[in-house]
């Protein structure tokens, strides 16, 4: 082999090596925790701005506006079990609520459309843009005792509206969801000083009738299997819509 060919081969090997190092370096940077966070924040910002834009462009009219908040999202998975993430079920239920609603008096919006994690400030911005009549917060739960199952609802008892109290809304939502899923109703709990102040402070601080519904336990094998089913999640959504309709009926009567 001539010296010229040897030199060419050496140069090619060096260039390929440098290219490999460069690709590896770029992949390392792109997959670093910092880069992942930056990309998630950017995607969340874009999706959030799209929701706000759609709200401003929406010319449809409804007597009552309901904001549904599928909690968690993005890197904030919420509860997890066997590969199933709370954030995904929350979003699925919220989407079904919006899409299965056929009541012309009610328009349902959601705080996130995709697997993103809007900040409390971003979710509050959507609330302020809509000025909704009701807020429904969607969660799942988990427990160290795997036999625990069912649904419960939390409400802020410190806020009181004589037209529709948070406790009444929580009870209506829970009864509606239990009626369509046939699961156990654990109860309605005044959470004035605890969970929601930390998890969803923008809801806690709002002066809008609101409640958080915990729609099942991912730690219970039977309930986990049910929550993985689209049909079951649709039944949850239908039940929550029933609760919303009952709440709207009460608001209607109070205004007449």
C-alpha atoms as a PDB file:
ATOM      1  CA  UNK A   1       0.000   0.000   0.000  1.00  0.00           C
ATOM      2  CA  UNK A   2       1.326   3.387  -0.954  1.00  0.00           C
ATOM      3  CA  UNK A   3       2.151   6.060   1.587  1.00  0.00           C
ATOM      4  CA  UNK A   4      -0.522   8.267   0.032  1.00  0.00           C
ATOM      5  CA  UNK A   5      -3.250   5.681   0.649  1.00  0.00           C
ATOM      6  CA  UNK A   6      -2.043   5.161   4.218  1.00  0.00           C
ATOM      7  CA  UNK A   7      -2.214   8.891   4.897  1.00  0.00           C
ATOM      8  CA  UNK A   8      -5.748   9.053   3.434  1.00  0.00           C
ATOM      9  CA  UNK A   9      -6.882   6.120   5.599  1.00  0.00           C
ATOM     10  CA  UNK A  10      -5.405   7.724   8.725  1.00  0.00           C
ATOM     11  CA  UNK A  11      -7.144  11.033   7.968  1.00  0.00           C
ATOM     12  CA  UNK A  12     -10.485   9.270   7.409  1.00  0.00           C
ATOM     13  CA  UNK A  13     -10.129   7.323  10.663  1.00  0.00           C
ATOM     14  CA  UNK A  14      -9.326  10.519  12.573  1.00  0.00           C
ATOM     15  CA  UNK A  15     -12.291  12.363  11.033  1.00  0.00           C
ATOM     16  CA  UNK A  16     -14.643   9.498  11.824  1.00  0.00           C
ATOM     17  CA  UNK A  17     -13.351   9.407  15.384  1.00  0.00           C
ATOM     18  CA  UNK A  18     -13.859  13.122  15.814  1.00  0.00           C
ATOM     19  CA  UNK A  19     -17.359  12.868  14.347  1.00  0.00           C
ATOM     20  CA  UNK A  20     -18.220  10.053  16.760  1.00  0.00           C
ATOM     21  CA  UNK A  21     -16.956  12.055  19.718  1.00  0.00           C
ATOM     22  CA  UNK A  22     -18.968  15.047  18.517  1.00  0.00           C
ATOM     23  CA  UNK A  23     -22.157  13.020  18.152  1.00  0.00           C
ATOM     24  CA  UNK A  24     -21.662  11.407  21.549  1.00  0.00           C
ATOM     25  CA  UNK A  25     -21.015  14.814  23.095  1.00  0.00           C
ATOM     26  CA  UNK A  26     -24.156  16.304  21.510  1.00  0.00           C
ATOM     27  CA  UNK A  27     -26.264  13.333  22.628  1.00  0.00           C
ATOM     28  CA  UNK A  28     -24.916  13.701  26.154  1.00  0.00           C
ATOM     29  CA  UNK A  29     -25.795  17.388  26.177  1.00  0.00           C
ATOM     30  CA  UNK A  30     -29.227  16.847  24.603  1.00  0.00           C
ATOM     31  CA  UNK A  31     -30.162  14.111  27.064  1.00  0.00           C
ATOM     32  CA  UNK A  32     -28.814  15.836  30.160  1.00  0.00           C
ATOM     33  CA  UNK A  33     -31.346  16.611  32.930  1.00  0.00           C
ATOM     34  CA  UNK A  34     -30.894  20.326  32.320  1.00  0.00           C
ATOM     35  CA  UNK A  35     -31.662  19.969  28.602  1.00  0.00           C
ATOM     36  CA  UNK A  36     -34.728  17.828  29.298  1.00  0.00           C
ATOM     37  CA  UNK A  37     -36.064  20.460  31.711  1.00  0.00           C
ATOM     38  CA  UNK A  38     -35.452  23.256  29.220  1.00  0.00           C
ATOM     39  CA  UNK A  39     -37.239  21.364  26.430  1.00  0.00           C
ATOM     40  CA  UNK A  40     -40.182  20.578  28.710  1.00  0.00           C
ATOM     41  CA  UNK A  41     -40.473  24.212  29.762  1.00  0.00           C
ATOM     42  CA  UNK A  42     -40.395  25.328  26.135  1.00  0.00           C
ATOM     43  CA  UNK A  43     -43.022  22.792  25.069  1.00  0.00           C
ATOM     44  CA  UNK A  44     -45.189  23.687  28.060  1.00  0.00           C
ATOM     45  CA  UNK A  45     -44.929  27.379  27.178  1.00  0.00           C
ATOM     46  CA  UNK A  46     -45.909  26.738  23.556  1.00  0.00           C
ATOM     47  CA  UNK A  47     -48.891  24.568  24.517  1.00  0.00           C
ATOM     48  CA  UNK A  48     -49.988  27.040  27.175  1.00  0.00           C
ATOM     49  CA  UNK A  49     -49.894  29.940  24.718  1.00  0.00           C
ATOM     50  CA  UNK A  50     -51.910  27.865  22.239  1.00  0.00           C
ATOM     51  CA  UNK A  51     -54.615  27.248  24.858  1.00  0.00           C
ATOM     52  CA  UNK A  52     -54.790  30.960  25.705  1.00  0.00           C
ATOM     53  CA  UNK A  53     -54.946  31.826  22.012  1.00  0.00           C
ATOM     54  CA  UNK A  54     -57.768  29.344  21.450  1.00  0.00           C
ATOM     55  CA  UNK A  55     -59.692  30.786  24.399  1.00  0.00           C
ATOM     56  CA  UNK A  56     -59.437  34.306  22.973  1.00  0.00           C
ATOM     57  CA  UNK A  57     -60.470  33.116  19.513  1.00  0.00           C
ATOM     58  CA  UNK A  58     -63.419  31.047  20.777  1.00  0.00           C
ATOM     59  CA  UNK A  59     -66.679  32.733  19.817  1.00  0.00           C
ATOM     60  CA  UNK A  60     -69.006  29.973  21.017  1.00  0.00           C
ATOM     61  CA  UNK A  61     -71.349  30.806  23.863  1.00  0.00           C
ATOM     62  CA  UNK A  62     -72.386  28.784  26.870  1.00  0.00           C
ATOM     63  CA  UNK A  63     -74.331  29.733  29.970  1.00  0.00           C
ATOM     64  CA  UNK A  64     -71.739  28.097  32.212  1.00  0.00           C
ATOM     65  CA  UNK A  65     -67.989  27.671  31.813  1.00  0.00           C
ATOM     66  CA  UNK A  66     -66.199  24.851  33.619  1.00  0.00           C
ATOM     67  CA  UNK A  67     -62.419  24.590  33.930  1.00  0.00           C
ATOM     68  CA  UNK A  68     -61.078  21.057  34.414  1.00  0.00           C
ATOM     69  CA  UNK A  69     -57.536  20.687  35.708  1.00  0.00           C
ATOM     70  CA  UNK A  70     -55.792  17.366  34.944  1.00  0.00           C
ATOM     71  CA  UNK A  71     -53.146  17.582  37.649  1.00  0.00           C
ATOM     72  CA  UNK A  72     -49.435  16.832  37.167  1.00  0.00           C
ATOM     73  CA  UNK A  73     -47.947  16.299  33.679  1.00  0.00           C
ATOM     74  CA  UNK A  74     -44.559  16.198  31.981  1.00  0.00           C
ATOM     75  CA  UNK A  75     -41.781  15.240  34.374  1.00  0.00           C
ATOM     76  CA  UNK A  76     -44.271  15.446  37.245  1.00  0.00           C
ATOM     77  CA  UNK A  77     -45.869  12.009  36.855  1.00  0.00           C
ATOM     78  CA  UNK A  78     -47.894  11.999  40.052  1.00  0.00           C
ATOM     79  CA  UNK A  79     -48.595   8.513  41.418  1.00  0.00           C
ATOM     80  CA  UNK A  80     -47.219   5.573  39.425  1.00  0.00           C
ATOM     81  CA  UNK A  81     -47.852   1.835  39.441  1.00  0.00           C
ATOM     82  CA  UNK A  82     -46.722  -0.859  37.027  1.00  0.00           C
ATOM     83  CA  UNK A  83     -45.821   1.664  34.365  1.00  0.00           C
ATOM     84  CA  UNK A  84     -49.151   3.494  34.678  1.00  0.00           C
ATOM     85  CA  UNK A  85     -48.783   7.176  35.519  1.00  0.00           C
ATOM     86  CA  UNK A  86     -51.354   9.319  37.246  1.00  0.00           C
ATOM     87  CA  UNK A  87     -50.674  12.256  34.920  1.00  0.00           C
ATOM     88  CA  UNK A  88     -51.836  10.226  31.890  1.00  0.00           C
ATOM     89  CA  UNK A  89     -55.097   9.057  33.454  1.00  0.00           C
ATOM     90  CA  UNK A  90     -55.858  12.565  34.720  1.00  0.00           C
ATOM     91  CA  UNK A  91     -55.428  13.964  31.204  1.00  0.00           C
ATOM     92  CA  UNK A  92     -57.490  11.169  29.641  1.00  0.00           C
ATOM     93  CA  UNK A  93     -60.404  11.770  32.023  1.00  0.00           C
ATOM     94  CA  UNK A  94     -60.250  15.542  31.460  1.00  0.00           C
ATOM     95  CA  UNK A  95     -60.278  15.129  27.684  1.00  0.00           C
ATOM     96  CA  UNK A  96     -63.242  12.766  27.891  1.00  0.00           C
ATOM     97  CA  UNK A  97     -65.087  15.289  30.055  1.00  0.00           C
ATOM     98  CA  UNK A  98     -64.604  17.954  27.418  1.00  0.00           C
ATOM     99  CA  UNK A  99     -65.359  15.700  24.454  1.00  0.00           C
ATOM    100  CA  UNK A 100     -68.317  13.764  25.908  1.00  0.00           C
ATOM    101  CA  UNK A 101     -70.156  16.821  27.202  1.00  0.00           C
ATOM    102  CA  UNK A 102     -73.337  17.307  25.154  1.00  0.00           C
ATOM    103  CA  UNK A 103     -75.008  19.881  27.401  1.00  0.00           C
ATOM    104  CA  UNK A 104     -75.282  23.076  25.342  1.00  0.00           C
ATOM    105  CA  UNK A 105     -75.467  25.178  28.478  1.00  0.00           C
ATOM    106  CA  UNK A 106     -72.011  24.018  29.583  1.00  0.00           C
ATOM    107  CA  UNK A 107     -68.600  24.560  27.966  1.00  0.00           C
ATOM    108  CA  UNK A 108     -65.654  22.608  29.384  1.00  0.00           C
ATOM    109  CA  UNK A 109     -62.032  23.722  29.046  1.00  0.00           C
ATOM    110  CA  UNK A 110     -58.906  21.993  30.332  1.00  0.00           C
ATOM    111  CA  UNK A 111     -55.658  23.467  31.646  1.00  0.00           C
ATOM    112  CA  UNK A 112     -53.394  21.247  29.556  1.00  0.00           C
ATOM    113  CA  UNK A 113     -53.963  19.456  26.261  1.00  0.00           C
ATOM    114  CA  UNK A 114     -50.791  17.359  26.205  1.00  0.00           C
ATOM    115  CA  UNK A 115     -48.209  15.713  28.448  1.00  0.00           C
ATOM    116  CA  UNK A 116     -46.860  19.026  29.711  1.00  0.00           C
ATOM    117  CA  UNK A 117     -46.605  20.451  33.214  1.00  0.00           C
ATOM    118  CA  UNK A 118     -47.994  23.996  33.378  1.00  0.00           C
ATOM    119  CA  UNK A 119     -46.951  25.925  36.455  1.00  0.00           C
ATOM    120  CA  UNK A 120     -49.500  27.072  39.019  1.00  0.00           C
ATOM    121  CA  UNK A 121     -49.156  30.553  37.526  1.00  0.00           C
ATOM    122  CA  UNK A 122     -49.882  29.278  34.009  1.00  0.00           C
ATOM    123  CA  UNK A 123     -52.930  27.322  35.159  1.00  0.00           C
ATOM    124  CA  UNK A 124     -54.133  30.387  37.054  1.00  0.00           C
ATOM    125  CA  UNK A 125     -53.669  32.471  33.901  1.00  0.00           C
ATOM    126  CA  UNK A 126     -56.080  30.176  32.056  1.00  0.00           C
ATOM    127  CA  UNK A 127     -58.535  30.476  34.934  1.00  0.00           C
ATOM    128  CA  UNK A 128     -58.339  34.262  34.782  1.00  0.00           C
ATOM    129  CA  UNK A 129     -58.813  34.266  30.996  1.00  0.00           C
ATOM    130  CA  UNK A 130     -61.936  32.115  31.294  1.00  0.00           C
ATOM    131  CA  UNK A 131     -63.445  33.377  34.565  1.00  0.00           C
ATOM    132  CA  UNK A 132     -65.169  29.986  34.942  1.00  0.00           C
ATOM    133  CA  UNK A 133     -68.260  29.249  36.985  1.00  0.00           C
ATOM    134  CA  UNK A 134     -66.796  25.969  38.334  1.00  0.00           C
ATOM    135  CA  UNK A 135     -63.377  24.345  38.690  1.00  0.00           C
ATOM    136  CA  UNK A 136     -62.945  20.554  38.753  1.00  0.00           C
ATOM    137  CA  UNK A 137     -59.511  19.218  39.712  1.00  0.00           C
ATOM    138  CA  UNK A 138     -58.675  15.628  38.697  1.00  0.00           C
ATOM    139  CA  UNK A 139     -56.339  13.352  40.675  1.00  0.00           C
ATOM    140  CA  UNK A 140     -55.610   9.690  41.374  1.00  0.00           C
ATOM    141  CA  UNK A 141     -54.235   8.299  44.619  1.00  0.00           C
ATOM    142  CA  UNK A 142     -52.121   5.463  46.035  1.00  0.00           C
ATOM    143  CA  UNK A 143     -51.936   3.750  49.412  1.00  0.00           C
ATOM    144  CA  UNK A 144     -49.549   1.375  51.165  1.00  0.00           C
ATOM    145  CA  UNK A 145     -52.552  -0.862  51.876  1.00  0.00           C
ATOM    146  CA  UNK A 146     -53.384  -2.327  48.482  1.00  0.00           C
ATOM    147  CA  UNK A 147     -56.948  -3.212  49.477  1.00  0.00           C
ATOM    148  CA  UNK A 148     -57.880   0.485  49.701  1.00  0.00           C
ATOM    149  CA  UNK A 149     -59.947   1.550  46.687  1.00  0.00           C
ATOM    150  CA  UNK A 150     -62.680   3.964  45.657  1.00  0.00           C
ATOM    151  CA  UNK A 151     -63.132   7.675  45.120  1.00  0.00           C
ATOM    152  CA  UNK A 152     -63.207  10.713  47.360  1.00  0.00           C
ATOM    153  CA  UNK A 153     -63.381  14.472  46.938  1.00  0.00           C
ATOM    154  CA  UNK A 154     -61.635  17.330  48.709  1.00  0.00           C
ATOM    155  CA  UNK A 155     -62.901  20.880  49.042  1.00  0.00           C
ATOM    156  CA  UNK A 156     -61.853  24.142  50.625  1.00  0.00           C
ATOM    157  CA  UNK A 157     -64.359  24.778  53.381  1.00  0.00           C
ATOM    158  CA  UNK A 158     -62.930  28.224  54.089  1.00  0.00           C
ATOM    159  CA  UNK A 159     -64.588  29.535  50.919  1.00  0.00           C
ATOM    160  CA  UNK A 160     -68.364  29.739  51.022  1.00  0.00           C
ATOM    161  CA  UNK A 161     -70.780  30.754  48.276  1.00  0.00           C
ATOM    162  CA  UNK A 162     -74.412  30.446  49.316  1.00  0.00           C
ATOM    163  CA  UNK A 163     -75.391  29.773  45.663  1.00  0.00           C
ATOM    164  CA  UNK A 164     -73.154  26.686  45.552  1.00  0.00           C
ATOM    165  CA  UNK A 165     -70.677  25.755  48.261  1.00  0.00           C
ATOM    166  CA  UNK A 166     -67.466  23.869  47.587  1.00  0.00           C
ATOM    167  CA  UNK A 167     -68.788  21.068  49.777  1.00  0.00           C
ATOM    168  CA  UNK A 168     -71.944  20.785  47.669  1.00  0.00           C
ATOM    169  CA  UNK A 169     -69.938  20.713  44.451  1.00  0.00           C
ATOM    170  CA  UNK A 170     -67.579  18.050  45.827  1.00  0.00           C
ATOM    171  CA  UNK A 171     -70.544  15.913  46.879  1.00  0.00           C
ATOM    172  CA  UNK A 172     -72.267  16.278  43.482  1.00  0.00           C
ATOM    173  CA  UNK A 173     -69.120  15.346  41.577  1.00  0.00           C
ATOM    174  CA  UNK A 174     -68.382  12.344  43.788  1.00  0.00           C
ATOM    175  CA  UNK A 175     -71.931  11.000  43.625  1.00  0.00           C
ATOM    176  CA  UNK A 176     -71.969  11.430  39.859  1.00  0.00           C
ATOM    177  CA  UNK A 177     -68.689   9.584  39.324  1.00  0.00           C
ATOM    178  CA  UNK A 178     -69.602   6.760  41.699  1.00  0.00           C
ATOM    179  CA  UNK A 179     -72.971   6.295  39.990  1.00  0.00           C
ATOM    180  CA  UNK A 180     -71.368   5.644  36.584  1.00  0.00           C
ATOM    181  CA  UNK A 181     -68.382   3.582  37.742  1.00  0.00           C
ATOM    182  CA  UNK A 182     -70.079   1.612  40.555  1.00  0.00           C
ATOM    183  CA  UNK A 183     -66.962   1.951  42.692  1.00  0.00           C
ATOM    184  CA  UNK A 184     -66.895   2.812  46.402  1.00  0.00           C
ATOM    185  CA  UNK A 185     -67.479   6.344  47.655  1.00  0.00           C
ATOM    186  CA  UNK A 186     -64.963   7.014  50.417  1.00  0.00           C
ATOM    187  CA  UNK A 187     -66.371  10.426  51.229  1.00  0.00           C
ATOM    188  CA  UNK A 188     -66.148  14.190  50.929  1.00  0.00           C
ATOM    189  CA  UNK A 189     -63.428  15.835  53.009  1.00  0.00           C
ATOM    190  CA  UNK A 190     -62.921  19.447  54.091  1.00  0.00           C
ATOM    191  CA  UNK A 191     -59.316  20.081  53.111  1.00  0.00           C
ATOM    192  CA  UNK A 192     -59.146  23.716  54.166  1.00  0.00           C
ATOM    193  CA  UNK A 193     -55.715  23.539  55.765  1.00  0.00           C
ATOM    194  CA  UNK A 194     -53.935  20.686  54.010  1.00  0.00           C
ATOM    195  CA  UNK A 195     -53.400  19.067  50.622  1.00  0.00           C
ATOM    196  CA  UNK A 196     -54.813  21.448  48.036  1.00  0.00           C
ATOM    197  CA  UNK A 197     -53.121  24.479  49.552  1.00  0.00           C
ATOM    198  CA  UNK A 198     -49.815  22.847  48.532  1.00  0.00           C
ATOM    199  CA  UNK A 199     -50.742  20.899  45.376  1.00  0.00           C
ATOM    200  CA  UNK A 200     -52.992  23.400  43.594  1.00  0.00           C
ATOM    201  CA  UNK A 201     -52.693  26.739  45.432  1.00  0.00           C
ATOM    202  CA  UNK A 202     -54.310  28.647  42.563  1.00  0.00           C
ATOM    203  CA  UNK A 203     -57.489  26.612  43.052  1.00  0.00           C
ATOM    204  CA  UNK A 204     -57.379  26.941  46.832  1.00  0.00           C
ATOM    205  CA  UNK A 205     -57.035  30.716  46.583  1.00  0.00           C
ATOM    206  CA  UNK A 206     -59.747  31.181  43.938  1.00  0.00           C
ATOM    207  CA  UNK A 207     -63.193  32.526  44.772  1.00  0.00           C
ATOM    208  CA  UNK A 208     -64.870  30.111  42.389  1.00  0.00           C
ATOM    209  CA  UNK A 209     -66.754  26.962  43.460  1.00  0.00           C
ATOM    210  CA  UNK A 210     -64.178  24.177  43.130  1.00  0.00           C
ATOM    211  CA  UNK A 211     -63.400  20.643  44.235  1.00  0.00           C
ATOM    212  CA  UNK A 212     -60.684  18.038  43.755  1.00  0.00           C
ATOM    213  CA  UNK A 213     -61.844  14.538  42.882  1.00  0.00           C
ATOM    214  CA  UNK A 214     -59.536  11.570  43.522  1.00  0.00           C
ATOM    215  CA  UNK A 215     -60.864   9.044  41.021  1.00  0.00           C
ATOM    216  CA  UNK A 216     -59.190   5.841  42.177  1.00  0.00           C
ATOM    217  CA  UNK A 217     -56.162   4.111  43.689  1.00  0.00           C
ATOM    218  CA  UNK A 218     -53.342   3.013  41.417  1.00  0.00           C
ATOM    219  CA  UNK A 219     -52.093   0.850  44.289  1.00  0.00           C
ATOM    220  CA  UNK A 220     -55.183  -1.382  44.150  1.00  0.00           C
ATOM    221  CA  UNK A 221     -54.727  -4.080  41.464  1.00  0.00           C
ATOM    222  CA  UNK A 222     -58.413  -4.210  40.476  1.00  0.00           C
ATOM    223  CA  UNK A 223     -58.799  -0.446  40.340  1.00  0.00           C
ATOM    224  CA  UNK A 224     -55.518  -0.069  38.465  1.00  0.00           C
ATOM    225  CA  UNK A 225     -56.756  -2.473  35.800  1.00  0.00           C
ATOM    226  CA  UNK A 226     -60.021  -0.539  35.538  1.00  0.00           C
ATOM    227  CA  UNK A 227     -58.243   2.827  35.289  1.00  0.00           C
ATOM    228  CA  UNK A 228     -56.153   1.497  32.394  1.00  0.00           C
ATOM    229  CA  UNK A 229     -59.394   0.984  30.467  1.00  0.00           C
ATOM    230  CA  UNK A 230     -60.643   3.748  28.175  1.00  0.00           C
ATOM    231  CA  UNK A 231     -64.227   2.674  28.832  1.00  0.00           C
ATOM    232  CA  UNK A 232     -63.803   3.057  32.607  1.00  0.00           C
ATOM    233  CA  UNK A 233     -62.190   6.486  32.222  1.00  0.00           C
ATOM    234  CA  UNK A 234     -65.116   7.484  30.002  1.00  0.00           C
ATOM    235  CA  UNK A 235     -67.488   6.404  32.759  1.00  0.00           C
ATOM    236  CA  UNK A 236     -65.582   8.557  35.244  1.00  0.00           C
ATOM    237  CA  UNK A 237     -65.897  11.501  32.863  1.00  0.00           C
ATOM    238  CA  UNK A 238     -69.620  10.895  32.324  1.00  0.00           C
ATOM    239  CA  UNK A 239     -70.174  10.761  36.072  1.00  0.00           C
ATOM    240  CA  UNK A 240     -68.280  13.989  36.671  1.00  0.00           C
ATOM    241  CA  UNK A 241     -70.335  15.644  33.920  1.00  0.00           C
ATOM    242  CA  UNK A 242     -73.475  14.484  35.762  1.00  0.00           C
ATOM    243  CA  UNK A 243     -72.148  16.181  38.878  1.00  0.00           C
ATOM    244  CA  UNK A 244     -71.420  19.368  36.936  1.00  0.00           C
ATOM    245  CA  UNK A 245     -74.948  19.358  35.499  1.00  0.00           C
ATOM    246  CA  UNK A 246     -76.420  19.027  38.994  1.00  0.00           C
ATOM    247  CA  UNK A 247     -74.273  21.944  40.147  1.00  0.00           C
ATOM    248  CA  UNK A 248     -75.352  24.051  37.168  1.00  0.00           C
ATOM    249  CA  UNK A 249     -79.015  23.263  37.896  1.00  0.00           C
ATOM    250  CA  UNK A 250     -78.558  24.570  41.430  1.00  0.00           C
ATOM    251  CA  UNK A 251     -76.902  27.734  40.131  1.00  0.00           C
ATOM    252  CA  UNK A 252     -79.746  28.145  37.653  1.00  0.00           C
ATOM    253  CA  UNK A 253     -82.358  27.951  40.398  1.00  0.00           C
ATOM    254  CA  UNK A 254     -80.468  30.387  42.602  1.00  0.00           C
ATOM    255  CA  UNK A 255     -80.459  32.976  39.823  1.00  0.00           C
ATOM    256  CA  UNK A 256     -84.219  32.720  39.193  1.00  0.00           C
END
